Amino acid sequence: MQPRGNRQAGFTLLEVLVALSVLAAVMAAIGSLASVGRRANRAEAERVELAQVARRLMNELTERAFSTGTTGQGDGFAWRIEVEPIGPAPKQSETAAAFAPSAQFPFGRPGAPPQAVWTPYRVILRVTGPTGASTEIVTVRLGRAPS
């Protein structure tokens, strides 16, 4: 028999192994969460970059693009803009009638240059990023009616 005062205090091998396995499981869970967070952050950054490119392209849309639409590439992004008129375009006779004498302007405006007649266009913009992610914007813009 050993006297009570000589016993050594400490952990057994089994307790150390259990503690290490619990620690390993916790570290694996934290690593998995960090990986998911990085992927989500990368996807969000790409979505924001696609939106910025799409906004820049919409701001640069000119009247030339209203008649034909455009396609292009730059900085790893590819885009396609489709433009289609909404409803029938106004006829030249309708535009002339807009400047004819009326109750408000009984004498008309002789010699006044004809003003532009605006027509609504549906604009569809598709942007594809370098990784294959894409976004689409559908909006309505006013453009000059073809003469």
C-alpha atoms as a PDB file:
ATOM      1  CA  MET A   1       0.000   0.000   0.000  1.00  0.00           C
ATOM      2  CA  GLN A   2       1.064   3.451  -0.851  1.00  0.00           C
ATOM      3  CA  PRO A   3       0.659   6.298   1.507  1.00  0.00           C
ATOM      4  CA  ARG A   4      -1.837   8.935   0.504  1.00  0.00           C
ATOM      5  CA  GLY A   5       0.615  11.824   0.421  1.00  0.00           C
ATOM      6  CA  ASN A   6       2.820  10.339  -2.348  1.00  0.00           C
ATOM      7  CA  ARG A   7       0.170  10.136  -5.131  1.00  0.00           C
ATOM      8  CA  GLN A   8       0.976  12.274  -8.171  1.00  0.00           C
ATOM      9  CA  ALA A   9      -1.736  14.538  -9.565  1.00  0.00           C
ATOM     10  CA  GLY A  10      -2.258  14.801 -13.359  1.00  0.00           C
ATOM     11  CA  PHE A  11      -4.247  13.671 -16.395  1.00  0.00           C
ATOM     12  CA  THR A  12      -4.420  10.142 -17.638  1.00  0.00           C
ATOM     13  CA  LEU A  13      -3.594   9.273 -21.229  1.00  0.00           C
ATOM     14  CA  LEU A  14      -7.269   8.639 -21.968  1.00  0.00           C
ATOM     15  CA  GLU A  15      -8.296  12.112 -20.731  1.00  0.00           C
ATOM     16  CA  VAL A  16      -5.616  13.748 -22.923  1.00  0.00           C
ATOM     17  CA  LEU A  17      -6.791  11.830 -26.001  1.00  0.00           C
ATOM     18  CA  VAL A  18     -10.434  12.796 -25.408  1.00  0.00           C
ATOM     19  CA  ALA A  19      -9.473  16.459 -24.972  1.00  0.00           C
ATOM     20  CA  LEU A  20      -7.393  16.418 -28.192  1.00  0.00           C
ATOM     21  CA  SER A  21     -10.218  14.828 -30.188  1.00  0.00           C
ATOM     22  CA  VAL A  22     -12.694  17.465 -28.952  1.00  0.00           C
ATOM     23  CA  LEU A  23     -10.207  20.205 -29.854  1.00  0.00           C
ATOM     24  CA  ALA A  24      -9.687  18.708 -33.342  1.00  0.00           C
ATOM     25  CA  ALA A  25     -13.455  18.612 -33.955  1.00  0.00           C
ATOM     26  CA  VAL A  26     -13.849  22.252 -32.898  1.00  0.00           C
ATOM     27  CA  MET A  27     -10.937  23.355 -35.111  1.00  0.00           C
ATOM     28  CA  ALA A  28     -12.410  21.485 -38.107  1.00  0.00           C
ATOM     29  CA  ALA A  29     -15.769  23.212 -37.606  1.00  0.00           C
ATOM     30  CA  ILE A  30     -14.103  26.636 -37.394  1.00  0.00           C
ATOM     31  CA  GLY A  31     -12.093  25.929 -40.550  1.00  0.00           C
ATOM     32  CA  SER A  32     -15.223  24.884 -42.406  1.00  0.00           C
ATOM     33  CA  LEU A  33     -17.044  28.077 -41.392  1.00  0.00           C
ATOM     34  CA  ALA A  34     -14.094  30.207 -42.480  1.00  0.00           C
ATOM     35  CA  SER A  35     -14.036  28.482 -45.872  1.00  0.00           C
ATOM     36  CA  VAL A  36     -17.761  29.083 -46.400  1.00  0.00           C
ATOM     37  CA  GLY A  37     -17.302  32.724 -45.410  1.00  0.00           C
ATOM     38  CA  ARG A  38     -14.453  33.214 -47.896  1.00  0.00           C
ATOM     39  CA  ARG A  39     -16.489  31.677 -50.724  1.00  0.00           C
ATOM     40  CA  ALA A  40     -19.500  33.856 -49.908  1.00  0.00           C
ATOM     41  CA  ASN A  41     -17.290  36.945 -49.763  1.00  0.00           C
ATOM     42  CA  ARG A  42     -15.722  36.122 -53.135  1.00  0.00           C
ATOM     43  CA  ALA A  43     -19.145  35.553 -54.728  1.00  0.00           C
ATOM     44  CA  GLU A  44     -20.470  38.853 -53.328  1.00  0.00           C
ATOM     45  CA  ALA A  45     -17.417  40.767 -54.564  1.00  0.00           C
ATOM     46  CA  GLU A  46     -17.925  39.313 -58.041  1.00  0.00           C
ATOM     47  CA  ARG A  47     -21.636  40.210 -57.983  1.00  0.00           C
ATOM     48  CA  VAL A  48     -20.810  43.796 -57.017  1.00  0.00           C
ATOM     49  CA  GLU A  49     -18.193  44.025 -59.777  1.00  0.00           C
ATOM     50  CA  LEU A  50     -20.715  42.726 -62.347  1.00  0.00           C
ATOM     51  CA  ALA A  51     -23.235  45.323 -61.169  1.00  0.00           C
ATOM     52  CA  GLN A  52     -20.660  48.117 -61.493  1.00  0.00           C
ATOM     53  CA  VAL A  53     -19.785  47.068 -65.053  1.00  0.00           C
ATOM     54  CA  ALA A  54     -23.484  46.869 -65.933  1.00  0.00           C
ATOM     55  CA  ARG A  55     -24.163  50.348 -64.517  1.00  0.00           C
ATOM     56  CA  ARG A  56     -21.192  51.802 -66.413  1.00  0.00           C
ATOM     57  CA  LEU A  57     -22.442  50.261 -69.656  1.00  0.00           C
ATOM     58  CA  MET A  58     -25.977  51.563 -69.101  1.00  0.00           C
ATOM     59  CA  ASN A  59     -24.609  55.053 -68.468  1.00  0.00           C
ATOM     60  CA  GLU A  60     -22.573  54.899 -71.677  1.00  0.00           C
ATOM     61  CA  LEU A  61     -25.545  53.800 -73.780  1.00  0.00           C
ATOM     62  CA  THR A  62     -25.831  56.160 -76.751  1.00  0.00           C
ATOM     63  CA  GLU A  63     -28.435  56.750 -79.407  1.00  0.00           C
ATOM     64  CA  ARG A  64     -26.404  54.675 -81.836  1.00  0.00           C
ATOM     65  CA  ALA A  65     -26.997  51.681 -79.604  1.00  0.00           C
ATOM     66  CA  PHE A  66     -30.745  52.335 -79.616  1.00  0.00           C
ATOM     67  CA  SER A  67     -30.962  51.399 -83.273  1.00  0.00           C
ATOM     68  CA  THR A  68     -28.775  48.296 -83.282  1.00  0.00           C
ATOM     69  CA  GLY A  69     -27.728  47.222 -79.803  1.00  0.00           C
ATOM     70  CA  THR A  70     -24.109  46.354 -79.097  1.00  0.00           C
ATOM     71  CA  THR A  71     -21.815  43.598 -77.954  1.00  0.00           C
ATOM     72  CA  GLY A  72     -18.332  43.860 -76.584  1.00  0.00           C
ATOM     73  CA  GLN A  73     -15.599  42.611 -74.301  1.00  0.00           C
ATOM     74  CA  GLY A  74     -13.145  44.237 -71.952  1.00  0.00           C
ATOM     75  CA  ASP A  75     -11.248  43.460 -68.743  1.00  0.00           C
ATOM     76  CA  GLY A  76     -12.478  39.868 -68.840  1.00  0.00           C
ATOM     77  CA  PHE A  77     -16.143  40.889 -69.049  1.00  0.00           C
ATOM     78  CA  ALA A  78     -18.369  40.259 -72.052  1.00  0.00           C
ATOM     79  CA  TRP A  79     -21.636  42.086 -72.597  1.00  0.00           C
ATOM     80  CA  ARG A  80     -24.561  42.203 -74.957  1.00  0.00           C
ATOM     81  CA  ILE A  81     -27.118  44.991 -75.175  1.00  0.00           C
ATOM     82  CA  GLU A  82     -30.403  44.320 -76.963  1.00  0.00           C
ATOM     83  CA  VAL A  83     -32.704  47.210 -77.767  1.00  0.00           C
ATOM     84  CA  GLU A  84     -36.267  46.987 -79.003  1.00  0.00           C
ATOM     85  CA  PRO A  85     -38.907  49.712 -79.293  1.00  0.00           C
ATOM     86  CA  ILE A  86     -41.957  49.433 -77.090  1.00  0.00           C
ATOM     87  CA  GLY A  87     -45.018  49.915 -79.239  1.00  0.00           C
ATOM     88  CA  PRO A  88     -45.089  51.410 -82.725  1.00  0.00           C
ATOM     89  CA  ALA A  89     -42.776  54.313 -83.544  1.00  0.00           C
ATOM     90  CA  PRO A  90     -44.588  57.623 -84.147  1.00  0.00           C
ATOM     91  CA  LYS A  91     -45.103  58.471 -87.804  1.00  0.00           C
ATOM     92  CA  GLN A  92     -43.645  61.601 -89.385  1.00  0.00           C
ATOM     93  CA  SER A  93     -47.199  62.906 -89.969  1.00  0.00           C
ATOM     94  CA  GLU A  94     -47.874  62.656 -86.235  1.00  0.00           C
ATOM     95  CA  THR A  95     -44.766  64.665 -85.459  1.00  0.00           C
ATOM     96  CA  ALA A  96     -45.766  67.331 -87.965  1.00  0.00           C
ATOM     97  CA  ALA A  97     -49.221  67.457 -86.398  1.00  0.00           C
ATOM     98  CA  ALA A  98     -47.610  68.147 -83.034  1.00  0.00           C
ATOM     99  CA  PHE A  99     -46.298  71.491 -84.383  1.00  0.00           C
ATOM    100  CA  ALA A 100     -49.455  72.451 -86.298  1.00  0.00           C
ATOM    101  CA  PRO A 101     -51.541  75.420 -85.143  1.00  0.00           C
ATOM    102  CA  SER A 102     -53.737  74.625 -82.178  1.00  0.00           C
ATOM    103  CA  ALA A 103     -55.870  76.411 -79.591  1.00  0.00           C
ATOM    104  CA  GLN A 104     -52.812  76.974 -77.457  1.00  0.00           C
ATOM    105  CA  PHE A 105     -50.629  78.123 -80.391  1.00  0.00           C
ATOM    106  CA  PRO A 106     -53.108  79.544 -82.932  1.00  0.00           C
ATOM    107  CA  PHE A 107     -50.393  80.596 -85.392  1.00  0.00           C
ATOM    108  CA  GLY A 108     -48.138  77.594 -84.909  1.00  0.00           C
ATOM    109  CA  ARG A 109     -44.420  78.144 -84.870  1.00  0.00           C
ATOM    110  CA  PRO A 110     -43.400  78.881 -88.424  1.00  0.00           C
ATOM    111  CA  GLY A 111     -39.715  78.315 -89.086  1.00  0.00           C
ATOM    112  CA  ALA A 112     -39.174  76.541 -85.786  1.00  0.00           C
ATOM    113  CA  PRO A 113     -36.960  73.500 -86.165  1.00  0.00           C
ATOM    114  CA  PRO A 114     -38.800  70.264 -85.489  1.00  0.00           C
ATOM    115  CA  GLN A 115     -38.137  68.932 -82.063  1.00  0.00           C
ATOM    116  CA  ALA A 116     -37.141  65.392 -81.410  1.00  0.00           C
ATOM    117  CA  VAL A 117     -39.888  62.895 -80.829  1.00  0.00           C
ATOM    118  CA  TRP A 118     -39.008  60.441 -78.103  1.00  0.00           C
ATOM    119  CA  THR A 119     -40.021  56.833 -78.031  1.00  0.00           C
ATOM    120  CA  PRO A 120     -39.551  54.269 -75.233  1.00  0.00           C
ATOM    121  CA  TYR A 121     -37.137  51.391 -75.801  1.00  0.00           C
ATOM    122  CA  ARG A 122     -36.737  48.207 -73.786  1.00  0.00           C
ATOM    123  CA  VAL A 123     -33.038  47.715 -73.067  1.00  0.00           C
ATOM    124  CA  ILE A 124     -31.759  44.288 -72.036  1.00  0.00           C
ATOM    125  CA  LEU A 125     -28.150  44.181 -70.829  1.00  0.00           C
ATOM    126  CA  ARG A 126     -26.380  40.888 -70.126  1.00  0.00           C
ATOM    127  CA  VAL A 127     -22.897  40.950 -68.565  1.00  0.00           C
ATOM    128  CA  THR A 128     -20.754  37.840 -68.072  1.00  0.00           C
ATOM    129  CA  GLY A 129     -17.718  37.961 -65.803  1.00  0.00           C
ATOM    130  CA  PRO A 130     -14.347  36.217 -66.110  1.00  0.00           C
ATOM    131  CA  THR A 131     -15.490  33.281 -63.948  1.00  0.00           C
ATOM    132  CA  GLY A 132     -18.695  32.723 -65.919  1.00  0.00           C
ATOM    133  CA  ALA A 133     -21.038  34.464 -63.471  1.00  0.00           C
ATOM    134  CA  SER A 134     -23.548  36.696 -65.207  1.00  0.00           C
ATOM    135  CA  THR A 135     -26.154  39.326 -64.508  1.00  0.00           C
ATOM    136  CA  GLU A 136     -29.002  40.794 -66.533  1.00  0.00           C
ATOM    137  CA  ILE A 137     -30.613  44.216 -66.350  1.00  0.00           C
ATOM    138  CA  VAL A 138     -33.901  44.987 -68.090  1.00  0.00           C
ATOM    139  CA  THR A 139     -34.946  48.633 -68.186  1.00  0.00           C
ATOM    140  CA  VAL A 140     -36.755  51.209 -70.300  1.00  0.00           C
ATOM    141  CA  ARG A 141     -34.955  54.188 -71.831  1.00  0.00           C
ATOM    142  CA  LEU A 142     -36.165  57.018 -74.008  1.00  0.00           C
ATOM    143  CA  GLY A 143     -34.533  57.465 -77.394  1.00  0.00           C
ATOM    144  CA  ARG A 144     -35.157  59.544 -80.469  1.00  0.00           C
ATOM    145  CA  ALA A 145     -37.668  58.037 -82.842  1.00  0.00           C
ATOM    146  CA  PRO A 146     -36.195  57.045 -86.215  1.00  0.00           C
ATOM    147  CA  SER A 147     -37.029  59.603 -88.878  1.00  0.00           C
END
